[in-house]
Amino acid sequence: MANVFTDVIPIIFARALQTLRATCALTQVINRDFENTPANTGDTVNVWIPSAAVDSDVTPTAAPQAGQDTVPKRVPVTLNRWRHSGFYLDDKNAESIAAGVYNAQIPEHIKALAQGVNSYVFSLYTGFYGLVGTPGVTPFATDTTAATQARKLLNKQLAPMDPRYIILNPDAEASALEQVKLSGFQNTGSQSAIIQGQIGQRYGMTWLMDQQVPTHPSVAMTAGAATANGVQAINAGSIDGGRTGTLSIAKATNATNLIVGDILTIAGQTQQYVVTAAVTLAVGNTTVNIAPALQVATAGGEAITLAAAHVVNLAIHRDAIAFASRPLQKTSQNTVEMMSIPDPVTGLNLRLELVRQNKQWFYDFDILYGASVARAELGVRIAG
């Protein structure tokens, strides 16, 4: 029987990789680390992000020209997500799979893991402060303004031109497809949008659909003005070069809560700010942690507005989020077989463990991964 179960493992893995590649759009387009060095939960790995470069005047001289310091940015990613999903096969079913008979249950376990990864990566949207569109209104229902506004904001935030992606929930994608059908949506001659339901590349971004696009549950501020509390300087409260900072808000009446991921706008400024730590705005003055740090100084009294709850469709450059998945270290458990395979398409490293339990075989997939926002300016929310 040992040979039968050894034969089953590659077949199961083949099915697993097919499932991984068929789901989870966001996970497949972000910056991923592919190293195959085994790791344990809690380990930290670095995902490299290129540093910005500048040009300079040429000055003829006998001395050698000094080179520019272009040290790539290392984004630490903690492998703090260790998830698994397993199933039992009796001897008869295992022999059937080894003989090439497909078991439809296998992809469901892989799908659960892949969707868990994708959902976790989506949860990092709370680090993005750029927002276009109208909260509560599905984008692209009447025009493609949301796409051009997202592109404009990415450009203003100095996002590299390529590769960029727009990731939509099914409602927004359906509206966008209607725009393709009605107006050609700046048609490039491809019929894939109509025939296959694939929008492809428009406005310099590849359009994808993902069923796991989340909704940000912002709660409207209670009655009573919220204003900037006095003079506050550019980069107020920042200790990291302006990546994050603080904003003091005066609330006239009625305390209100802010949650991580809320988007704030200060009257007279175009810059948007995201709340990085939950806080209650008490009646009086409250310090709120924000990103980025203040880009324009406040004079005091400027109205503060809070974006309403919204679906978080995304316009994103691949370097906005850093993701790492590593094969797990082998254990000393009573395991009959254990195999790890990295998938070059999704960047995920699955391990399959085979254990004999209660007169049947237990097949358990597990995965170790982590992710973090590497460059918040490379992501923009398209509200829905």
Protein backbone atom coordinates (compact mmCIF):
# COMPACT_ATOMS: atom_id res chain seq x y z
CA MET A 1 0.00 0.00 0.00
CA ALA A 2 2.90 2.41 0.64
CA ASN A 3 3.49 2.89 -3.08
CA VAL A 4 -0.18 3.74 -3.62
CA PHE A 5 -0.11 6.63 -1.18
CA THR A 6 3.21 7.90 -2.48
CA ASP A 7 1.61 8.02 -5.92
CA VAL A 8 -1.43 9.88 -4.60
CA ILE A 9 0.56 12.87 -3.29
CA PRO A 10 1.75 14.22 -6.70
CA ILE A 11 -1.77 13.84 -8.10
CA ILE A 12 -3.25 15.78 -5.19
CA PHE A 13 -0.61 18.47 -5.55
CA ALA A 14 -1.34 18.81 -9.26
CA ARG A 15 -5.00 19.43 -8.45
CA ALA A 16 -3.99 21.85 -5.70
CA LEU A 17 -1.86 24.03 -7.97
CA GLN A 18 -4.62 24.18 -10.58
CA THR A 19 -7.01 25.47 -7.91
CA LEU A 20 -4.54 28.05 -6.63
CA ARG A 21 -4.05 29.46 -10.11
CA ALA A 22 -7.79 29.73 -10.74
CA THR A 23 -8.62 31.95 -7.74
CA CYS A 24 -7.53 35.01 -5.79
CA ALA A 25 -6.63 37.84 -8.17
CA LEU A 26 -5.02 40.18 -5.65
CA THR A 27 -2.55 37.63 -4.30
CA GLN A 28 -1.29 36.95 -7.81
CA VAL A 29 -0.45 40.55 -8.73
CA ILE A 30 1.33 41.91 -5.63
CA ASN A 31 5.08 41.87 -4.87
CA ARG A 32 5.93 38.33 -3.79
CA ASP A 33 8.99 36.67 -2.35
CA PHE A 34 9.76 33.32 -3.99
CA GLU A 35 12.71 32.02 -1.97
CA ASN A 36 12.41 28.36 -1.08
CA THR A 37 14.34 28.50 2.20
CA PRO A 38 12.29 26.66 4.85
CA ALA A 39 10.96 28.79 7.66
CA ASN A 40 8.96 28.60 10.87
CA THR A 41 6.00 30.65 12.03
CA GLY A 42 7.11 34.01 13.39
CA ASP A 43 10.21 34.23 11.17
CA THR A 44 10.79 37.49 9.32
CA VAL A 45 11.88 37.70 5.69
CA ASN A 46 12.67 40.72 3.54
CA VAL A 47 10.91 41.56 0.30
CA TRP A 48 12.98 43.96 -1.80
CA ILE A 49 11.47 47.15 -3.23
CA PRO A 50 13.56 49.21 -5.72
CA SER A 51 14.62 52.64 -4.51
CA ALA A 52 13.85 55.81 -6.44
CA ALA A 53 16.61 57.13 -8.71
CA VAL A 54 17.47 60.68 -9.81
CA ASP A 55 19.45 62.24 -12.62
CA SER A 56 22.15 64.87 -12.25
CA ASP A 57 24.29 67.20 -14.35
CA VAL A 58 27.38 65.82 -16.01
CA THR A 59 30.48 67.66 -14.81
CA PRO A 60 33.64 66.80 -16.77
CA THR A 61 36.46 66.27 -14.30
CA ALA A 62 39.63 64.29 -13.90
CA ALA A 63 38.22 62.67 -10.79
CA PRO A 64 35.95 59.63 -11.10
CA GLN A 65 32.25 60.41 -11.06
CA ALA A 66 30.54 59.52 -7.79
CA GLY A 67 27.93 56.83 -8.11
CA GLN A 68 24.40 57.36 -6.90
CA ASP A 69 23.38 55.55 -3.74
CA THR A 70 20.42 53.43 -4.79
CA VAL A 71 19.89 51.02 -1.96
CA PRO A 72 16.78 48.91 -2.51
CA LYS A 73 14.27 49.14 0.30
CA ARG A 74 13.88 46.01 2.40
CA VAL A 75 10.33 45.52 3.63
CA PRO A 76 10.23 43.09 6.57
CA VAL A 77 7.37 40.63 6.35
CA THR A 78 6.60 38.48 9.36
CA LEU A 79 5.45 34.95 8.55
CA ASN A 80 2.70 35.04 11.14
CA ARG A 81 -0.08 33.27 9.26
CA TRP A 82 0.03 29.47 9.58
CA ARG A 83 -3.15 27.90 8.27
CA HIS A 84 -4.20 24.40 7.35
CA SER A 85 -7.05 22.39 5.88
CA GLY A 86 -7.23 18.58 5.82
CA PHE A 87 -9.40 15.66 4.80
CA TYR A 88 -9.61 11.90 5.28
CA LEU A 89 -9.41 9.22 2.61
CA ASP A 90 -10.02 5.57 3.22
CA ASP A 91 -7.89 2.97 1.47
CA LYS A 92 -10.39 2.49 -1.38
CA ASN A 93 -10.62 6.22 -2.21
CA ALA A 94 -6.83 6.64 -2.07
CA GLU A 95 -6.37 3.76 -4.50
CA SER A 96 -8.95 5.35 -6.82
CA ILE A 97 -7.06 8.63 -6.89
CA ALA A 98 -3.79 6.80 -7.52
CA ALA A 99 -5.51 5.13 -10.47
CA GLY A 100 -6.48 8.54 -11.89
CA VAL A 101 -10.04 8.84 -10.58
CA TYR A 102 -10.61 12.50 -9.65
CA ASN A 103 -11.78 13.40 -6.14
CA ALA A 104 -13.82 16.62 -6.31
CA GLN A 105 -13.34 17.36 -2.62
CA ILE A 106 -9.60 18.04 -2.90
CA PRO A 107 -9.87 21.50 -4.56
CA GLU A 108 -12.25 22.69 -1.86
CA HIS A 109 -9.54 22.43 0.80
CA ILE A 110 -7.04 24.26 -1.39
CA LYS A 111 -9.63 26.89 -2.22
CA ALA A 112 -10.19 27.48 1.49
CA LEU A 113 -6.48 28.11 2.02
CA ALA A 114 -6.10 30.28 -1.09
CA GLN A 115 -9.13 32.37 -0.21
CA GLY A 116 -7.81 32.76 3.33
CA VAL A 117 -4.56 34.15 1.93
CA ASN A 118 -6.39 36.45 -0.46
CA SER A 119 -8.74 37.70 2.24
CA TYR A 120 -5.82 38.49 4.52
CA VAL A 121 -4.01 40.41 1.78
CA PHE A 122 -7.18 42.36 1.03
CA SER A 123 -7.45 43.31 4.71
CA LEU A 124 -4.32 45.41 4.26
CA TYR A 125 -6.38 47.98 2.32
CA THR A 126 -6.62 49.86 5.63
CA GLY A 127 -3.11 51.15 4.92
CA PHE A 128 -4.17 52.93 1.70
CA TYR A 129 -5.22 56.56 2.06
CA GLY A 130 -6.07 57.39 -1.57
CA LEU A 131 -9.80 57.25 -2.33
CA VAL A 132 -11.79 58.05 -5.48
CA GLY A 133 -15.40 57.47 -6.44
CA THR A 134 -18.54 57.84 -4.36
CA PRO A 135 -19.00 55.64 -1.28
CA GLY A 136 -22.15 53.57 -1.60
CA VAL A 137 -22.38 53.98 -5.39
CA THR A 138 -21.12 51.20 -7.68
CA PRO A 139 -18.43 52.66 -9.97
CA PHE A 140 -18.69 52.58 -13.77
CA ALA A 141 -22.48 52.47 -13.76
CA THR A 142 -22.64 55.52 -16.04
CA ASP A 143 -19.06 56.28 -17.11
CA THR A 144 -15.40 55.42 -16.54
CA THR A 145 -14.53 58.47 -14.47
CA ALA A 146 -13.50 56.35 -11.48
CA ALA A 147 -10.74 54.73 -13.54
CA THR A 148 -9.32 58.01 -14.80
CA GLN A 149 -9.49 59.50 -11.30
CA ALA A 150 -7.69 56.46 -9.85
CA ARG A 151 -5.02 56.76 -12.54
CA LYS A 152 -4.63 60.47 -11.83
CA LEU A 153 -4.21 59.85 -8.11
CA LEU A 154 -1.65 57.08 -8.67
CA ASN A 155 0.23 59.46 -10.95
CA LYS A 156 0.17 62.22 -8.35
CA GLN A 157 1.41 59.77 -5.74
CA LEU A 158 4.32 58.93 -8.10
CA ALA A 159 3.36 55.31 -8.63
CA PRO A 160 5.41 53.61 -11.37
CA MET A 161 3.46 53.22 -14.60
CA ASP A 162 3.81 49.48 -14.85
CA PRO A 163 2.51 47.08 -13.74
CA ARG A 164 -0.76 48.54 -12.50
CA TYR A 165 -4.01 46.70 -11.84
CA ILE A 166 -7.64 47.48 -11.13
CA ILE A 167 -9.35 44.84 -9.00
CA LEU A 168 -13.15 45.02 -8.85
CA ASN A 169 -15.91 43.17 -7.08
CA PRO A 170 -18.53 41.46 -9.31
CA ASP A 171 -20.90 44.46 -9.25
CA ALA A 172 -18.27 46.96 -10.36
CA GLU A 173 -16.92 44.57 -12.99
CA ALA A 174 -20.41 44.06 -14.40
CA SER A 175 -20.84 47.84 -14.69
CA ALA A 176 -17.46 48.16 -16.38
CA LEU A 177 -18.39 45.44 -18.87
CA GLU A 178 -21.55 47.39 -19.68
CA GLN A 179 -19.37 50.39 -20.51
CA VAL A 180 -17.36 48.17 -22.86
CA LYS A 181 -20.53 47.00 -24.57
CA LEU A 182 -22.13 50.44 -24.84
CA SER A 183 -19.21 52.64 -25.76
CA GLY A 184 -16.28 50.41 -26.60
CA PHE A 185 -14.52 51.71 -23.45
CA GLN A 186 -11.65 53.04 -25.58
CA ASN A 187 -11.76 49.74 -27.47
CA THR A 188 -8.40 48.44 -28.65
CA GLY A 189 -10.01 46.03 -31.08
CA SER A 190 -10.06 43.05 -28.74
CA GLN A 191 -13.37 41.23 -28.37
CA SER A 192 -12.34 39.41 -25.18
CA ALA A 193 -14.49 41.68 -22.99
CA ILE A 194 -17.65 40.66 -24.85
CA ILE A 195 -16.83 37.05 -25.65
CA GLN A 196 -14.97 35.99 -22.52
CA GLY A 197 -15.99 38.67 -20.03
CA GLN A 198 -12.40 39.90 -19.69
CA ILE A 199 -11.82 43.65 -19.77
CA GLY A 200 -8.06 43.27 -20.13
CA GLN A 201 -5.94 46.41 -20.12
CA ARG A 202 -7.49 49.87 -20.19
CA TYR A 203 -6.03 53.21 -19.11
CA GLY A 204 -2.66 51.61 -18.44
CA MET A 205 -4.06 49.10 -15.95
CA THR A 206 -4.99 45.43 -16.18
CA TRP A 207 -8.57 44.90 -14.99
CA LEU A 208 -9.40 41.86 -12.87
CA MET A 209 -12.38 40.63 -10.86
CA ASP A 210 -12.18 39.23 -7.34
CA GLN A 211 -15.15 38.01 -5.28
CA GLN A 212 -13.36 38.81 -2.02
CA VAL A 213 -13.17 42.58 -2.42
CA PRO A 214 -14.00 43.83 1.10
CA THR A 215 -16.23 46.61 2.38
CA HIS A 216 -14.92 49.23 4.80
CA PRO A 217 -17.54 49.66 7.56
CA SER A 218 -17.04 53.32 8.34
CA VAL A 219 -19.63 54.77 10.73
CA ALA A 220 -20.78 58.34 10.13
CA MET A 221 -19.62 60.97 12.58
CA THR A 222 -22.14 62.00 15.19
CA ALA A 223 -23.59 65.48 15.10
CA GLY A 224 -21.25 68.25 16.17
CA ALA A 225 -18.46 69.79 14.15
CA ALA A 226 -15.06 68.09 13.88
CA THR A 227 -12.29 70.56 13.10
CA ALA A 228 -8.51 70.81 13.09
CA ASN A 229 -7.36 71.78 16.57
CA GLY A 230 -5.24 74.89 16.07
CA VAL A 231 -1.99 75.31 14.18
CA GLN A 232 -0.36 71.98 13.28
CA ALA A 233 2.85 71.80 11.27
CA ILE A 234 3.68 69.67 8.25
CA ASN A 235 4.75 66.17 9.42
CA ALA A 236 3.34 66.84 12.90
CA GLY A 237 4.01 63.92 15.23
CA SER A 238 6.07 61.99 12.68
CA ILE A 239 9.08 59.94 13.70
CA ASP A 240 9.46 58.07 10.42
CA GLY A 241 10.12 60.80 7.88
CA GLY A 242 6.50 61.65 7.20
CA ARG A 243 5.19 58.16 6.51
CA THR A 244 2.90 58.49 9.54
CA GLY A 245 2.04 61.29 11.94
CA THR A 246 -0.72 62.73 14.11
CA LEU A 247 -3.67 65.05 13.70
CA SER A 248 -5.37 66.78 16.63
CA ILE A 249 -9.13 67.00 16.08
CA ALA A 250 -11.53 69.16 18.06
CA LYS A 251 -15.05 67.74 18.45
CA ALA A 252 -17.71 70.29 19.39
CA THR A 253 -20.34 67.89 20.77
CA ASN A 254 -21.14 64.17 20.81
CA ALA A 255 -18.17 61.79 20.97
CA THR A 256 -17.67 59.60 17.91
CA ASN A 257 -15.50 56.59 17.02
CA LEU A 258 -12.90 56.26 14.30
CA ILE A 259 -11.64 52.84 13.18
CA VAL A 260 -8.49 51.74 11.40
CA GLY A 261 -8.86 52.42 7.69
CA ASP A 262 -11.17 55.43 7.99
CA ILE A 263 -10.39 58.16 5.46
CA LEU A 264 -10.23 61.77 6.67
CA THR A 265 -10.10 64.95 4.59
CA ILE A 266 -9.20 68.43 5.87
CA ALA A 267 -11.00 71.38 4.28
CA GLY A 268 -8.71 73.24 1.90
CA GLN A 269 -6.48 70.22 1.28
CA THR A 270 -6.64 67.62 -1.48
CA GLN A 271 -4.52 65.15 0.48
CA GLN A 272 -6.44 62.33 2.12
CA TYR A 273 -5.38 60.67 5.37
CA VAL A 274 -6.06 57.22 6.77
CA VAL A 275 -6.60 56.47 10.45
CA THR A 276 -3.96 53.99 11.63
CA ALA A 277 -5.24 53.31 15.16
CA ALA A 278 -8.80 53.14 16.45
CA VAL A 279 -9.72 56.08 18.64
CA THR A 280 -12.74 57.81 20.14
CA LEU A 281 -13.06 61.50 19.33
CA ALA A 282 -14.02 62.87 22.71
CA VAL A 283 -15.78 66.19 23.15
CA GLY A 284 -12.76 68.48 23.13
CA ASN A 285 -9.42 67.65 21.55
CA THR A 286 -8.22 64.18 20.51
CA THR A 287 -4.94 63.10 18.90
CA VAL A 288 -5.48 60.78 15.93
CA ASN A 289 -2.74 58.66 14.37
CA ILE A 290 -2.77 59.10 10.59
CA ALA A 291 -0.88 58.23 7.42
CA PRO A 292 0.72 59.99 5.78
CA ALA A 293 1.78 62.73 8.17
CA LEU A 294 0.29 66.16 7.52
CA GLN A 295 1.24 67.36 4.06
CA VAL A 296 -0.14 70.88 4.57
CA ALA A 297 -0.06 72.78 7.86
CA THR A 298 -3.37 73.59 9.52
CA ALA A 299 -4.32 77.03 10.75
CA GLY A 300 -7.03 75.72 13.06
CA GLY A 301 -10.76 75.42 12.57
CA GLU A 302 -10.68 73.61 9.20
CA ALA A 303 -13.57 71.17 8.90
CA ILE A 304 -12.69 67.46 9.07
CA THR A 305 -14.82 65.09 7.01
CA LEU A 306 -15.00 61.29 7.18
CA ALA A 307 -15.56 59.12 4.11
CA ALA A 308 -18.65 56.93 4.38
CA ALA A 309 -18.65 53.13 4.33
CA HIS A 310 -17.58 51.84 0.94
CA VAL A 311 -16.67 48.78 -1.09
CA VAL A 312 -12.88 48.72 -1.46
CA ASN A 313 -12.22 48.13 -5.14
CA LEU A 314 -8.55 48.81 -5.77
CA ALA A 315 -6.25 50.44 -8.28
CA ILE A 316 -2.83 49.17 -7.33
CA HIS A 317 0.78 48.85 -8.40
CA ARG A 318 2.42 45.51 -7.65
CA ASP A 319 4.86 47.04 -5.14
CA ALA A 320 2.09 48.40 -2.91
CA ILE A 321 1.96 45.17 -0.89
CA ALA A 322 4.83 42.85 -0.03
CA PHE A 323 3.95 39.17 0.36
CA ALA A 324 6.05 36.18 1.36
CA SER A 325 5.22 32.50 1.52
CA ARG A 326 7.81 29.95 2.58
CA PRO A 327 7.89 26.15 2.85
CA LEU A 328 7.55 24.95 6.42
CA GLN A 329 10.33 23.13 8.23
CA LYS A 330 9.93 19.38 8.40
CA THR A 331 8.62 18.13 11.72
CA SER A 332 9.41 15.07 13.81
CA GLN A 333 5.79 13.96 13.98
CA ASN A 334 4.72 10.47 13.03
CA THR A 335 4.26 11.38 9.39
CA VAL A 336 4.24 8.81 6.62
CA GLU A 337 4.94 11.30 3.84
CA MET A 338 5.55 15.05 3.67
CA MET A 339 6.08 17.20 0.60
CA SER A 340 6.35 20.95 -0.04
CA ILE A 341 5.89 22.51 -3.48
CA PRO A 342 6.17 26.22 -4.33
CA ASP A 343 3.80 27.43 -7.04
CA PRO A 344 5.64 29.87 -9.35
CA VAL A 345 2.37 31.44 -10.52
CA THR A 346 0.78 32.35 -7.19
CA GLY A 347 3.93 32.47 -5.08
CA LEU A 348 2.33 30.21 -2.48
CA ASN A 349 4.19 27.36 -0.80
CA LEU A 350 1.95 24.46 0.15
CA ARG A 351 2.97 21.53 2.29
CA LEU A 352 1.07 18.25 2.19
CA GLU A 353 1.36 15.92 5.15
CA LEU A 354 0.09 12.35 5.08
CA VAL A 355 -0.68 10.61 8.38
CA ARG A 356 -2.33 7.27 9.20
CA GLN A 357 -5.17 7.83 11.68
CA ASN A 358 -7.99 5.55 12.78
CA LYS A 359 -7.62 3.06 9.94
CA GLN A 360 -7.69 5.77 7.28
CA TRP A 361 -5.36 8.34 5.82
CA PHE A 362 -5.38 12.00 6.81
CA TYR A 363 -4.16 14.44 4.13
CA ASP A 364 -3.41 17.86 5.61
CA PHE A 365 -2.39 20.94 3.62
CA ASP A 366 -0.77 23.81 5.46
CA ILE A 367 0.75 27.11 4.43
CA LEU A 368 2.97 29.72 6.09
CA TYR A 369 2.82 33.30 4.86
CA GLY A 370 2.77 36.97 5.73
CA ALA A 371 2.15 40.31 4.05
CA SER A 372 2.44 44.01 4.76
CA VAL A 373 1.86 47.34 3.05
CA ALA A 374 5.19 48.29 1.52
CA ARG A 375 4.31 51.57 -0.20
CA ALA A 376 0.89 52.97 0.70
CA GLU A 377 1.10 55.58 -2.06
CA LEU A 378 0.92 52.83 -4.69
CA GLY A 379 -2.63 51.85 -3.79
CA VAL A 380 -5.89 53.72 -4.36
CA ARG A 381 -9.36 52.68 -3.25
CA ILE A 382 -12.15 52.95 -5.81
CA ALA A 383 -15.24 53.36 -3.65
CA GLY A 384 -18.37 51.37 -4.35
